[in-house]
Amino acid sequence: MTALLELSRAQILGHRRRAGSLDERLPAGAESLRRAAWAGLQDSMPRAALLSIHARVEGTEPNGWEHAALRQLWGPRYSNYVVAAKDVAIFSLGRLTEHDGGQKRASETATRLRAFLRGRRMPCEELGHAMRVNPNSLRYAAPTGTVLIHWDGARQPTVWCVAAPEMDAREARLELARRYLHIFGPSTEVSFARWAGMRPGEARNAFAALAGELTAVRTPLGNAWILSSDEGSFRAMLGRTAATRLLPSGDTYFLLWGADRELLVPQPQHRTMLWTSRVWPGALLIGGEIAGVWRRAGAEVSIEPWRRLSKKVKEAVEEEAASLPLPGLNEHIRVKWIA
């Protein structure tokens, strides 16, 4: 029997930072935006996706999330997501359930939406009331790939219909699994199901269909899978890491649950500070390690580090905070350090 490839914590996090473009920002441009959103960018907190882009792409402007290369939709777990326009099918059809009842619900909701809107765009709550349904139920149409949204963080999202994607739903599901494993790997079917918001059996089927593209590995958390094409990245020498990044609430890098969180943040007390029972704070990334949390109120950014930081590191953090492309601010960003 062939021994499983052993991967250390350092190798895993090194790959995830490289795959997630967190060690070095990408040059500005549509392809860089697509790479930054390779596994989608959660945008449930106002402008979280914008700050996730800023952490990965040079020259991000306050309206960067509205770039022509990007779209907003109800993605994994029906959360607000920003994805590449080219990848809408992956993050919509890729989540379409294999269960007949769920497929029927998605199709019927999408059909009713299209018939009611007739090419118009409407705020979600207003639309739901006009159709005499719970506005939240309109999200069930999202996996058909025919519904897009626009949410600026201040009001309810605007909803409209588009043509159905040409991509096959099964291929979209497999590509979604590939994207997940590239950004979050090593991982398991169970973790993929939770991230994507699908049934465990559907996640198992996807991994089984990708069997020829996967390599089994052993991690500090147990056995898992990686894309075989990523093995070189996991084996690569650790390179230079970014001095600091301010990752927003729900950023892809720490969008984890259960035991998966233990690898990223080993200390239990720190995990309770990052993954709170309410709205998650942002994560302070220093030298490749999550080293604290941060929150923002207006132009004030409050940072709570988990260890003593040197003056040089603090200055780097403050410089990163000052660069945040926050829309609508008429004053300079101030940093408040919390001991």
C-alpha atoms as a PDB file:
ATOM      1  CA  MET A   1       0.000   0.000   0.000  1.00  0.00           C
ATOM      2  CA  THR A   2       1.368   3.415  -0.972  1.00  0.00           C
ATOM      3  CA  ALA A   3       1.953   5.704   2.014  1.00  0.00           C
ATOM      4  CA  LEU A   4      -0.154   8.838   2.075  1.00  0.00           C
ATOM      5  CA  LEU A   5       1.549  12.145   1.365  1.00  0.00           C
ATOM      6  CA  GLU A   6       2.171  13.833   4.724  1.00  0.00           C
ATOM      7  CA  LEU A   7       1.468  17.562   4.800  1.00  0.00           C
ATOM      8  CA  SER A   8       2.448  19.833   7.671  1.00  0.00           C
ATOM      9  CA  ARG A   9       0.501  22.827   8.910  1.00  0.00           C
ATOM     10  CA  ALA A  10       3.111  25.155   7.398  1.00  0.00           C
ATOM     11  CA  GLN A  11       2.816  23.476   3.992  1.00  0.00           C
ATOM     12  CA  ILE A  12      -0.976  23.653   4.055  1.00  0.00           C
ATOM     13  CA  LEU A  13      -1.186  27.299   5.048  1.00  0.00           C
ATOM     14  CA  GLY A  14       1.591  28.197   2.622  1.00  0.00           C
ATOM     15  CA  HIS A  15      -0.373  26.666  -0.245  1.00  0.00           C
ATOM     16  CA  ARG A  16      -3.625  28.319   0.834  1.00  0.00           C
ATOM     17  CA  ARG A  17      -2.014  31.752   0.954  1.00  0.00           C
ATOM     18  CA  ARG A  18      -0.440  31.238  -2.480  1.00  0.00           C
ATOM     19  CA  ALA A  19      -3.674  29.900  -3.963  1.00  0.00           C
ATOM     20  CA  GLY A  20      -5.588  32.742  -2.352  1.00  0.00           C
ATOM     21  CA  SER A  21      -3.163  35.443  -3.563  1.00  0.00           C
ATOM     22  CA  LEU A  22      -2.452  36.615  -0.023  1.00  0.00           C
ATOM     23  CA  ASP A  23       1.355  36.541  -0.048  1.00  0.00           C
ATOM     24  CA  GLU A  24       1.637  39.020  -2.898  1.00  0.00           C
ATOM     25  CA  ARG A  25      -1.051  41.167  -4.472  1.00  0.00           C
ATOM     26  CA  LEU A  26      -1.995  40.521  -8.085  1.00  0.00           C
ATOM     27  CA  PRO A  27      -1.727  43.296 -10.695  1.00  0.00           C
ATOM     28  CA  ALA A  28      -4.939  45.201 -11.380  1.00  0.00           C
ATOM     29  CA  GLY A  29      -7.149  43.734 -14.082  1.00  0.00           C
ATOM     30  CA  ALA A  30     -10.066  41.467 -14.916  1.00  0.00           C
ATOM     31  CA  GLU A  31      -8.079  38.209 -14.767  1.00  0.00           C
ATOM     32  CA  SER A  32      -6.676  39.121 -11.359  1.00  0.00           C
ATOM     33  CA  LEU A  33     -10.197  39.782 -10.108  1.00  0.00           C
ATOM     34  CA  ARG A  34     -11.217  36.347 -11.331  1.00  0.00           C
ATOM     35  CA  ARG A  35      -8.274  34.754  -9.522  1.00  0.00           C
ATOM     36  CA  ALA A  36      -9.112  36.669  -6.353  1.00  0.00           C
ATOM     37  CA  ALA A  37     -12.677  35.310  -6.569  1.00  0.00           C
ATOM     38  CA  TRP A  38     -11.655  31.764  -7.555  1.00  0.00           C
ATOM     39  CA  ALA A  39     -13.807  30.290  -4.760  1.00  0.00           C
ATOM     40  CA  GLY A  40     -16.128  33.299  -4.666  1.00  0.00           C
ATOM     41  CA  LEU A  41     -16.017  36.196  -2.218  1.00  0.00           C
ATOM     42  CA  GLN A  42     -18.638  36.282   0.492  1.00  0.00           C
ATOM     43  CA  ASP A  43     -20.298  39.696   0.666  1.00  0.00           C
ATOM     44  CA  SER A  44     -22.865  39.276   3.448  1.00  0.00           C
ATOM     45  CA  MET A  45     -21.277  42.086   5.443  1.00  0.00           C
ATOM     46  CA  PRO A  46     -21.405  45.447   3.633  1.00  0.00           C
ATOM     47  CA  ARG A  47     -18.460  45.621   1.229  1.00  0.00           C
ATOM     48  CA  ALA A  48     -16.689  42.566   2.631  1.00  0.00           C
ATOM     49  CA  ALA A  49     -15.992  41.364  -0.920  1.00  0.00           C
ATOM     50  CA  LEU A  50     -14.410  44.725  -1.749  1.00  0.00           C
ATOM     51  CA  LEU A  51     -11.969  44.394   1.147  1.00  0.00           C
ATOM     52  CA  SER A  52     -11.251  40.781   0.183  1.00  0.00           C
ATOM     53  CA  ILE A  53     -10.371  42.012  -3.304  1.00  0.00           C
ATOM     54  CA  HIS A  54      -8.173  44.767  -1.838  1.00  0.00           C
ATOM     55  CA  ALA A  55      -6.232  42.147   0.146  1.00  0.00           C
ATOM     56  CA  ARG A  56      -5.445  40.348  -3.116  1.00  0.00           C
ATOM     57  CA  VAL A  57      -5.366  42.852  -5.998  1.00  0.00           C
ATOM     58  CA  GLU A  58      -3.302  46.016  -6.436  1.00  0.00           C
ATOM     59  CA  GLY A  59      -4.999  49.351  -6.942  1.00  0.00           C
ATOM     60  CA  THR A  60      -8.460  48.314  -5.744  1.00  0.00           C
ATOM     61  CA  GLU A  61     -10.833  51.282  -5.862  1.00  0.00           C
ATOM     62  CA  PRO A  62     -13.900  51.845  -3.626  1.00  0.00           C
ATOM     63  CA  ASN A  63     -16.144  50.689  -6.471  1.00  0.00           C
ATOM     64  CA  GLY A  64     -13.942  47.713  -7.342  1.00  0.00           C
ATOM     65  CA  TRP A  65     -16.664  45.207  -6.468  1.00  0.00           C
ATOM     66  CA  GLU A  66     -18.773  46.632  -9.310  1.00  0.00           C
ATOM     67  CA  HIS A  67     -16.132  45.941 -11.973  1.00  0.00           C
ATOM     68  CA  ALA A  68     -17.559  44.681 -15.271  1.00  0.00           C
ATOM     69  CA  ALA A  69     -15.692  41.388 -14.753  1.00  0.00           C
ATOM     70  CA  LEU A  70     -17.655  40.632 -11.568  1.00  0.00           C
ATOM     71  CA  ARG A  71     -21.230  39.719 -10.663  1.00  0.00           C
ATOM     72  CA  GLN A  72     -23.229  39.387  -7.431  1.00  0.00           C
ATOM     73  CA  LEU A  73     -25.486  36.444  -6.698  1.00  0.00           C
ATOM     74  CA  TRP A  74     -26.854  34.287  -3.911  1.00  0.00           C
ATOM     75  CA  GLY A  75     -24.057  31.731  -3.786  1.00  0.00           C
ATOM     76  CA  PRO A  76     -22.950  29.018  -1.356  1.00  0.00           C
ATOM     77  CA  ARG A  77     -25.413  28.656   1.549  1.00  0.00           C
ATOM     78  CA  TYR A  78     -27.550  31.294  -0.250  1.00  0.00           C
ATOM     79  CA  SER A  79     -25.194  33.984   1.083  1.00  0.00           C
ATOM     80  CA  ASN A  80     -24.434  37.154  -0.884  1.00  0.00           C
ATOM     81  CA  TYR A  81     -21.371  36.466  -3.051  1.00  0.00           C
ATOM     82  CA  VAL A  82     -19.240  38.304  -5.581  1.00  0.00           C
ATOM     83  CA  VAL A  83     -17.918  36.031  -8.338  1.00  0.00           C
ATOM     84  CA  ALA A  84     -16.330  36.436 -11.749  1.00  0.00           C
ATOM     85  CA  ALA A  85     -18.867  37.021 -14.526  1.00  0.00           C
ATOM     86  CA  LYS A  86     -17.337  34.052 -16.350  1.00  0.00           C
ATOM     87  CA  ASP A  87     -18.016  31.824 -13.329  1.00  0.00           C
ATOM     88  CA  VAL A  88     -21.681  32.517 -12.566  1.00  0.00           C
ATOM     89  CA  ALA A  89     -22.685  29.010 -13.683  1.00  0.00           C
ATOM     90  CA  ILE A  90     -20.153  27.395 -11.333  1.00  0.00           C
ATOM     91  CA  PHE A  91     -21.506  29.169  -8.255  1.00  0.00           C
ATOM     92  CA  SER A  92     -25.156  28.763  -9.210  1.00  0.00           C
ATOM     93  CA  LEU A  93     -25.713  25.560 -11.219  1.00  0.00           C
ATOM     94  CA  GLY A  94     -22.883  23.976  -9.260  1.00  0.00           C
ATOM     95  CA  ARG A  95     -25.115  24.101  -6.195  1.00  0.00           C
ATOM     96  CA  LEU A  96     -28.302  22.853  -7.882  1.00  0.00           C
ATOM     97  CA  THR A  97     -29.413  19.866  -5.839  1.00  0.00           C
ATOM     98  CA  GLU A  98     -29.690  16.394  -7.339  1.00  0.00           C
ATOM     99  CA  HIS A  99     -32.892  15.927  -5.312  1.00  0.00           C
ATOM    100  CA  ASP A 100     -36.039  16.096  -7.473  1.00  0.00           C
ATOM    101  CA  GLY A 101     -37.979  18.148  -4.926  1.00  0.00           C
ATOM    102  CA  GLY A 102     -35.222  20.727  -4.609  1.00  0.00           C
ATOM    103  CA  GLN A 103     -34.779  20.985  -8.370  1.00  0.00           C
ATOM    104  CA  LYS A 104     -38.522  21.516  -8.798  1.00  0.00           C
ATOM    105  CA  ARG A 105     -38.560  24.265  -6.173  1.00  0.00           C
ATOM    106  CA  ALA A 106     -35.625  26.058  -7.820  1.00  0.00           C
ATOM    107  CA  SER A 107     -37.135  25.776 -11.307  1.00  0.00           C
ATOM    108  CA  GLU A 108     -40.628  26.882 -10.297  1.00  0.00           C
ATOM    109  CA  THR A 109     -39.320  29.844  -8.278  1.00  0.00           C
ATOM    110  CA  ALA A 110     -37.152  30.956 -11.192  1.00  0.00           C
ATOM    111  CA  THR A 111     -40.043  30.613 -13.643  1.00  0.00           C
ATOM    112  CA  ARG A 112     -42.342  32.696 -11.439  1.00  0.00           C
ATOM    113  CA  LEU A 113     -39.663  35.345 -11.013  1.00  0.00           C
ATOM    114  CA  ARG A 114     -39.039  35.661 -14.737  1.00  0.00           C
ATOM    115  CA  ALA A 115     -42.748  35.827 -15.522  1.00  0.00           C
ATOM    116  CA  PHE A 116     -43.353  38.513 -12.903  1.00  0.00           C
ATOM    117  CA  LEU A 117     -40.326  40.698 -13.641  1.00  0.00           C
ATOM    118  CA  ARG A 118     -40.569  40.601 -17.455  1.00  0.00           C
ATOM    119  CA  GLY A 119     -37.115  42.141 -17.776  1.00  0.00           C
ATOM    120  CA  ARG A 120     -37.468  44.569 -14.871  1.00  0.00           C
ATOM    121  CA  ARG A 121     -35.264  44.918 -11.778  1.00  0.00           C
ATOM    122  CA  MET A 122     -36.833  45.220  -8.325  1.00  0.00           C
ATOM    123  CA  PRO A 123     -35.717  45.373  -4.685  1.00  0.00           C
ATOM    124  CA  CYS A 124     -35.959  41.909  -3.145  1.00  0.00           C
ATOM    125  CA  GLU A 125     -38.388  42.740  -0.329  1.00  0.00           C
ATOM    126  CA  GLU A 126     -40.670  44.741  -2.592  1.00  0.00           C
ATOM    127  CA  LEU A 127     -40.557  41.951  -5.154  1.00  0.00           C
ATOM    128  CA  GLY A 128     -41.448  39.265  -2.632  1.00  0.00           C
ATOM    129  CA  HIS A 129     -44.403  41.213  -1.298  1.00  0.00           C
ATOM    130  CA  ALA A 130     -45.626  41.941  -4.827  1.00  0.00           C
ATOM    131  CA  MET A 131     -45.462  38.220  -5.623  1.00  0.00           C
ATOM    132  CA  ARG A 132     -47.083  37.427  -2.243  1.00  0.00           C
ATOM    133  CA  VAL A 133     -44.201  35.223  -1.096  1.00  0.00           C
ATOM    134  CA  ASN A 134     -41.552  35.499   1.599  1.00  0.00           C
ATOM    135  CA  PRO A 135     -38.789  37.622   0.011  1.00  0.00           C
ATOM    136  CA  ASN A 136     -36.168  35.204   1.377  1.00  0.00           C
ATOM    137  CA  SER A 137     -37.781  32.373  -0.601  1.00  0.00           C
ATOM    138  CA  LEU A 138     -36.691  34.048  -3.844  1.00  0.00           C
ATOM    139  CA  ARG A 139     -33.180  32.802  -3.100  1.00  0.00           C
ATOM    140  CA  TYR A 140     -34.313  29.291  -4.001  1.00  0.00           C
ATOM    141  CA  ALA A 141     -34.150  30.317  -7.669  1.00  0.00           C
ATOM    142  CA  ALA A 142     -30.430  31.153  -7.453  1.00  0.00           C
ATOM    143  CA  PRO A 143     -29.085  27.634  -8.248  1.00  0.00           C
ATOM    144  CA  THR A 144     -30.724  27.777 -11.685  1.00  0.00           C
ATOM    145  CA  GLY A 145     -28.159  30.398 -12.691  1.00  0.00           C
ATOM    146  CA  THR A 146     -30.881  32.744 -13.958  1.00  0.00           C
ATOM    147  CA  VAL A 147     -30.961  35.204 -11.026  1.00  0.00           C
ATOM    148  CA  LEU A 148     -28.465  37.945 -10.228  1.00  0.00           C
ATOM    149  CA  ILE A 149     -28.508  40.603  -7.518  1.00  0.00           C
ATOM    150  CA  HIS A 150     -26.954  43.967  -6.756  1.00  0.00           C
ATOM    151  CA  TRP A 151     -26.471  44.958  -3.119  1.00  0.00           C
ATOM    152  CA  ASP A 152     -24.649  48.128  -2.143  1.00  0.00           C
ATOM    153  CA  GLY A 153     -24.707  47.355   1.581  1.00  0.00           C
ATOM    154  CA  ALA A 154     -27.175  50.068   2.527  1.00  0.00           C
ATOM    155  CA  ARG A 155     -30.477  48.846   1.126  1.00  0.00           C
ATOM    156  CA  GLN A 156     -32.113  45.558   0.175  1.00  0.00           C
ATOM    157  CA  PRO A 157     -30.613  43.823  -2.866  1.00  0.00           C
ATOM    158  CA  THR A 158     -32.039  44.451  -6.312  1.00  0.00           C
ATOM    159  CA  VAL A 159     -33.012  41.280  -8.174  1.00  0.00           C
ATOM    160  CA  TRP A 160     -33.267  40.518 -11.900  1.00  0.00           C
ATOM    161  CA  CYS A 161     -33.272  37.547 -14.265  1.00  0.00           C
ATOM    162  CA  VAL A 162     -30.734  36.571 -16.923  1.00  0.00           C
ATOM    163  CA  ALA A 163     -30.482  33.835 -19.531  1.00  0.00           C
ATOM    164  CA  ALA A 164     -29.782  30.340 -18.247  1.00  0.00           C
ATOM    165  CA  PRO A 165     -26.082  29.347 -18.334  1.00  0.00           C
ATOM    166  CA  GLU A 166     -25.008  26.978 -21.084  1.00  0.00           C
ATOM    167  CA  MET A 167     -22.829  24.940 -18.728  1.00  0.00           C
ATOM    168  CA  ASP A 168     -24.008  21.478 -17.689  1.00  0.00           C
ATOM    169  CA  ALA A 169     -25.059  21.328 -14.025  1.00  0.00           C
ATOM    170  CA  ARG A 170     -22.926  18.262 -13.318  1.00  0.00           C
ATOM    171  CA  GLU A 171     -19.800  19.857 -14.782  1.00  0.00           C
ATOM    172  CA  ALA A 172     -20.539  23.022 -12.802  1.00  0.00           C
ATOM    173  CA  ARG A 173     -20.712  20.920  -9.611  1.00  0.00           C
ATOM    174  CA  LEU A 174     -17.372  19.282 -10.361  1.00  0.00           C
ATOM    175  CA  GLU A 175     -15.721  22.606 -11.121  1.00  0.00           C
ATOM    176  CA  LEU A 176     -17.113  24.024  -7.873  1.00  0.00           C
ATOM    177  CA  ALA A 177     -15.469  21.117  -6.027  1.00  0.00           C
ATOM    178  CA  ARG A 178     -12.177  21.776  -7.842  1.00  0.00           C
ATOM    179  CA  ARG A 179     -12.317  25.459  -6.923  1.00  0.00           C
ATOM    180  CA  TYR A 180     -13.044  24.562  -3.310  1.00  0.00           C
ATOM    181  CA  LEU A 181     -10.156  22.095  -3.070  1.00  0.00           C
ATOM    182  CA  HIS A 182      -7.707  24.488  -4.720  1.00  0.00           C
ATOM    183  CA  ILE A 183      -8.456  27.282  -2.238  1.00  0.00           C
ATOM    184  CA  PHE A 184      -9.374  25.313   0.904  1.00  0.00           C
ATOM    185  CA  GLY A 185      -7.464  22.045   0.399  1.00  0.00           C
ATOM    186  CA  PRO A 186      -6.630  19.666   1.870  1.00  0.00           C
ATOM    187  CA  SER A 187     -10.250  18.976   2.703  1.00  0.00           C
ATOM    188  CA  THR A 188     -13.028  16.415   2.843  1.00  0.00           C
ATOM    189  CA  GLU A 189     -16.445  15.793   1.354  1.00  0.00           C
ATOM    190  CA  VAL A 190     -18.048  16.798   4.668  1.00  0.00           C
ATOM    191  CA  SER A 191     -16.329  20.189   4.721  1.00  0.00           C
ATOM    192  CA  PHE A 192     -17.156  20.791   1.055  1.00  0.00           C
ATOM    193  CA  ALA A 193     -20.828  20.058   1.701  1.00  0.00           C
ATOM    194  CA  ARG A 194     -20.959  22.524   4.566  1.00  0.00           C
ATOM    195  CA  TRP A 195     -19.174  25.271   2.654  1.00  0.00           C
ATOM    196  CA  ALA A 196     -21.317  24.858  -0.449  1.00  0.00           C
ATOM    197  CA  GLY A 197     -24.588  24.313   1.430  1.00  0.00           C
ATOM    198  CA  MET A 198     -25.359  20.967  -0.209  1.00  0.00           C
ATOM    199  CA  ARG A 199     -26.297  17.487   0.962  1.00  0.00           C
ATOM    200  CA  PRO A 200     -23.371  15.317   2.159  1.00  0.00           C
ATOM    201  CA  GLY A 201     -24.268  12.655  -0.405  1.00  0.00           C
ATOM    202  CA  GLU A 202     -24.031  15.185  -3.220  1.00  0.00           C
ATOM    203  CA  ALA A 203     -20.581  16.244  -2.044  1.00  0.00           C
ATOM    204  CA  ARG A 204     -19.486  12.591  -1.882  1.00  0.00           C
ATOM    205  CA  ASN A 205     -20.715  12.055  -5.445  1.00  0.00           C
ATOM    206  CA  ALA A 206     -18.716  15.053  -6.647  1.00  0.00           C
ATOM    207  CA  PHE A 207     -15.511  13.846  -4.992  1.00  0.00           C
ATOM    208  CA  ALA A 208     -16.067  10.340  -6.381  1.00  0.00           C
ATOM    209  CA  ALA A 209     -16.444  11.751  -9.899  1.00  0.00           C
ATOM    210  CA  LEU A 210     -13.141  13.619  -9.442  1.00  0.00           C
ATOM    211  CA  ALA A 211     -11.300  10.545  -8.140  1.00  0.00           C
ATOM    212  CA  GLY A 212      -8.775  10.563 -10.982  1.00  0.00           C
ATOM    213  CA  GLU A 213      -7.881  14.207 -10.215  1.00  0.00           C
ATOM    214  CA  LEU A 214      -7.427  13.826  -6.447  1.00  0.00           C
ATOM    215  CA  THR A 215      -4.573  12.741  -4.187  1.00  0.00           C
ATOM    216  CA  ALA A 216      -5.138  11.411  -0.680  1.00  0.00           C
ATOM    217  CA  VAL A 217      -3.029  13.112   2.004  1.00  0.00           C
ATOM    218  CA  ARG A 218      -2.538  12.983   5.752  1.00  0.00           C
ATOM    219  CA  THR A 219      -2.781  16.295   7.645  1.00  0.00           C
ATOM    220  CA  PRO A 220      -2.523  17.248  11.322  1.00  0.00           C
ATOM    221  CA  LEU A 221      -6.333  16.886  11.388  1.00  0.00           C
ATOM    222  CA  GLY A 222      -6.437  13.477   9.685  1.00  0.00           C
ATOM    223  CA  ASN A 223      -6.852  12.159   6.154  1.00  0.00           C
ATOM    224  CA  ALA A 224      -8.091  14.484   3.417  1.00  0.00           C
ATOM    225  CA  TRP A 225      -7.906  15.207  -0.322  1.00  0.00           C
ATOM    226  CA  ILE A 226      -6.065  17.668  -2.517  1.00  0.00           C
ATOM    227  CA  LEU A 227      -6.119  18.283  -6.250  1.00  0.00           C
ATOM    228  CA  SER A 228      -3.266  16.261  -7.719  1.00  0.00           C
ATOM    229  CA  SER A 229      -2.327  19.330  -9.760  1.00  0.00           C
ATOM    230  CA  ASP A 230      -1.711  21.227  -6.499  1.00  0.00           C
ATOM    231  CA  GLU A 231       0.821  18.751  -5.069  1.00  0.00           C
ATOM    232  CA  GLY A 232       3.748  20.829  -6.295  1.00  0.00           C
ATOM    233  CA  SER A 233       2.389  23.883  -4.517  1.00  0.00           C
ATOM    234  CA  PHE A 234       2.117  22.001  -1.233  1.00  0.00           C
ATOM    235  CA  ARG A 235       5.676  20.697  -1.599  1.00  0.00           C
ATOM    236  CA  ALA A 236       7.108  24.085  -2.595  1.00  0.00           C
ATOM    237  CA  MET A 237       9.531  25.914  -0.344  1.00  0.00           C
ATOM    238  CA  LEU A 238       7.863  28.530   1.782  1.00  0.00           C
ATOM    239  CA  GLY A 239       8.514  31.913   0.278  1.00  0.00           C
ATOM    240  CA  ARG A 240       8.099  35.485   1.381  1.00  0.00           C
ATOM    241  CA  THR A 241       4.796  36.328   3.043  1.00  0.00           C
ATOM    242  CA  ALA A 242       3.003  39.666   3.053  1.00  0.00           C
ATOM    243  CA  ALA A 243       3.814  41.853   6.031  1.00  0.00           C
ATOM    244  CA  THR A 244       0.154  42.307   6.889  1.00  0.00           C
ATOM    245  CA  ARG A 245      -3.375  42.045   5.535  1.00  0.00           C
ATOM    246  CA  LEU A 246      -6.713  43.070   7.038  1.00  0.00           C
ATOM    247  CA  LEU A 247      -9.143  40.343   5.977  1.00  0.00           C
ATOM    248  CA  PRO A 248     -12.841  41.240   6.310  1.00  0.00           C
ATOM    249  CA  SER A 249     -15.577  39.311   8.091  1.00  0.00           C
ATOM    250  CA  GLY A 250     -16.226  36.049   6.234  1.00  0.00           C
ATOM    251  CA  ASP A 251     -13.112  36.270   4.059  1.00  0.00           C
ATOM    252  CA  THR A 252     -12.386  33.077   2.132  1.00  0.00           C
ATOM    253  CA  TYR A 253      -9.155  32.444   4.039  1.00  0.00           C
ATOM    254  CA  PHE A 254     -10.959  31.778   7.312  1.00  0.00           C
ATOM    255  CA  LEU A 255     -14.406  30.726   6.061  1.00  0.00           C
ATOM    256  CA  LEU A 256     -14.130  27.459   7.956  1.00  0.00           C
ATOM    257  CA  TRP A 257     -16.126  25.366  10.410  1.00  0.00           C
ATOM    258  CA  GLY A 258     -15.514  22.651  12.980  1.00  0.00           C
ATOM    259  CA  ALA A 259     -12.087  21.049  13.224  1.00  0.00           C
ATOM    260  CA  ASP A 260     -10.919  22.905  10.105  1.00  0.00           C
ATOM    261  CA  ARG A 261     -10.604  26.018  12.258  1.00  0.00           C
ATOM    262  CA  GLU A 262      -8.099  24.335  14.568  1.00  0.00           C
ATOM    263  CA  LEU A 263      -5.430  24.137  11.892  1.00  0.00           C
ATOM    264  CA  LEU A 264      -5.675  27.832  11.049  1.00  0.00           C
ATOM    265  CA  VAL A 265      -5.937  29.100  14.639  1.00  0.00           C
ATOM    266  CA  PRO A 266      -4.520  26.540  17.105  1.00  0.00           C
ATOM    267  CA  GLN A 267      -5.348  28.441  20.319  1.00  0.00           C
ATOM    268  CA  PRO A 268      -8.941  27.803  21.506  1.00  0.00           C
ATOM    269  CA  GLN A 269      -9.286  31.263  23.092  1.00  0.00           C
ATOM    270  CA  HIS A 270      -8.322  32.916  19.835  1.00  0.00           C
ATOM    271  CA  ARG A 271     -10.792  30.817  17.856  1.00  0.00           C
ATOM    272  CA  THR A 272     -13.627  32.075  20.064  1.00  0.00           C
ATOM    273  CA  MET A 273     -12.549  35.655  19.334  1.00  0.00           C
ATOM    274  CA  LEU A 274     -12.473  35.162  15.554  1.00  0.00           C
ATOM    275  CA  TRP A 275     -15.429  32.860  14.982  1.00  0.00           C
ATOM    276  CA  THR A 276     -17.948  34.443  17.310  1.00  0.00           C
ATOM    277  CA  SER A 277     -21.562  33.341  17.771  1.00  0.00           C
ATOM    278  CA  ARG A 278     -22.699  36.607  16.179  1.00  0.00           C
ATOM    279  CA  VAL A 279     -21.121  38.655  13.380  1.00  0.00           C
ATOM    280  CA  TRP A 280     -17.502  37.628  12.850  1.00  0.00           C
ATOM    281  CA  PRO A 281     -14.846  40.342  13.102  1.00  0.00           C
ATOM    282  CA  GLY A 282     -12.138  40.687  10.486  1.00  0.00           C
ATOM    283  CA  ALA A 283      -8.854  38.797  10.781  1.00  0.00           C
ATOM    284  CA  LEU A 284      -5.439  40.437  11.163  1.00  0.00           C
ATOM    285  CA  LEU A 285      -2.899  38.530   9.069  1.00  0.00           C
ATOM    286  CA  ILE A 286       0.751  39.175   9.927  1.00  0.00           C
ATOM    287  CA  GLY A 287       3.595  37.281   8.293  1.00  0.00           C
ATOM    288  CA  GLY A 288       1.272  34.518   7.166  1.00  0.00           C
ATOM    289  CA  GLU A 289      -0.396  33.920  10.540  1.00  0.00           C
ATOM    290  CA  ILE A 290      -3.693  35.213  11.881  1.00  0.00           C
ATOM    291  CA  ALA A 291      -2.524  37.363  14.779  1.00  0.00           C
ATOM    292  CA  GLY A 292      -5.632  39.206  15.932  1.00  0.00           C
ATOM    293  CA  VAL A 293      -9.039  40.573  14.997  1.00  0.00           C
ATOM    294  CA  TRP A 294     -10.319  43.938  13.819  1.00  0.00           C
ATOM    295  CA  ARG A 295     -13.558  45.865  13.446  1.00  0.00           C
ATOM    296  CA  ARG A 296     -14.560  49.144  11.852  1.00  0.00           C
ATOM    297  CA  ALA A 297     -16.969  51.909  12.798  1.00  0.00           C
ATOM    298  CA  GLY A 298     -16.943  54.731  10.276  1.00  0.00           C
ATOM    299  CA  ALA A 299     -13.370  55.889   9.810  1.00  0.00           C
ATOM    300  CA  GLU A 300     -12.108  54.172  12.975  1.00  0.00           C
ATOM    301  CA  VAL A 301     -10.499  50.740  12.682  1.00  0.00           C
ATOM    302  CA  SER A 302     -10.129  48.957  16.027  1.00  0.00           C
ATOM    303  CA  ILE A 303      -7.428  46.283  16.090  1.00  0.00           C
ATOM    304  CA  GLU A 304      -6.975  43.713  18.845  1.00  0.00           C
ATOM    305  CA  PRO A 305      -3.705  41.796  18.391  1.00  0.00           C
ATOM    306  CA  TRP A 306      -3.143  38.482  20.135  1.00  0.00           C
ATOM    307  CA  ARG A 307       0.522  39.156  20.854  1.00  0.00           C
ATOM    308  CA  ARG A 308       2.830  42.103  21.381  1.00  0.00           C
ATOM    309  CA  LEU A 309       3.719  43.745  18.098  1.00  0.00           C
ATOM    310  CA  SER A 310       6.867  45.668  17.329  1.00  0.00           C
ATOM    311  CA  LYS A 311       6.672  49.325  16.360  1.00  0.00           C
ATOM    312  CA  LYS A 312       7.621  48.406  12.792  1.00  0.00           C
ATOM    313  CA  VAL A 313       4.822  45.850  12.517  1.00  0.00           C
ATOM    314  CA  LYS A 314       2.298  48.263  14.004  1.00  0.00           C
ATOM    315  CA  GLU A 315       3.288  50.859  11.455  1.00  0.00           C
ATOM    316  CA  ALA A 316       2.794  48.307   8.673  1.00  0.00           C
ATOM    317  CA  VAL A 317      -0.666  47.452  10.024  1.00  0.00           C
ATOM    318  CA  GLU A 318      -1.607  51.122  10.245  1.00  0.00           C
ATOM    319  CA  GLU A 319      -0.400  51.655   6.674  1.00  0.00           C
ATOM    320  CA  GLU A 320      -2.529  48.724   5.518  1.00  0.00           C
ATOM    321  CA  ALA A 321      -5.557  50.123   7.365  1.00  0.00           C
ATOM    322  CA  ALA A 322      -5.048  53.540   5.796  1.00  0.00           C
ATOM    323  CA  SER A 323      -5.101  51.926   2.344  1.00  0.00           C
ATOM    324  CA  LEU A 324      -8.538  50.312   2.768  1.00  0.00           C
ATOM    325  CA  PRO A 325     -10.673  51.495  -0.182  1.00  0.00           C
ATOM    326  CA  LEU A 326     -13.751  52.283   1.887  1.00  0.00           C
ATOM    327  CA  PRO A 327     -16.492  54.065  -0.070  1.00  0.00           C
ATOM    328  CA  GLY A 328     -18.145  57.211   1.220  1.00  0.00           C
ATOM    329  CA  LEU A 329     -15.496  58.225   3.763  1.00  0.00           C
ATOM    330  CA  ASN A 330     -14.745  61.949   3.990  1.00  0.00           C
ATOM    331  CA  GLU A 331     -11.939  61.616   6.539  1.00  0.00           C
ATOM    332  CA  HIS A 332      -8.747  59.662   7.008  1.00  0.00           C
ATOM    333  CA  ILE A 333      -8.906  56.224   8.582  1.00  0.00           C
ATOM    334  CA  ARG A 334      -7.812  56.142  12.227  1.00  0.00           C
ATOM    335  CA  VAL A 335      -6.452  53.051  13.978  1.00  0.00           C
ATOM    336  CA  LYS A 336      -7.360  52.295  17.574  1.00  0.00           C
ATOM    337  CA  TRP A 337      -5.232  49.630  19.256  1.00  0.00           C
ATOM    338  CA  ILE A 338      -6.988  47.454  21.825  1.00  0.00           C
ATOM    339  CA  ALA A 339      -4.676  45.935  24.410  1.00  0.00           C
END
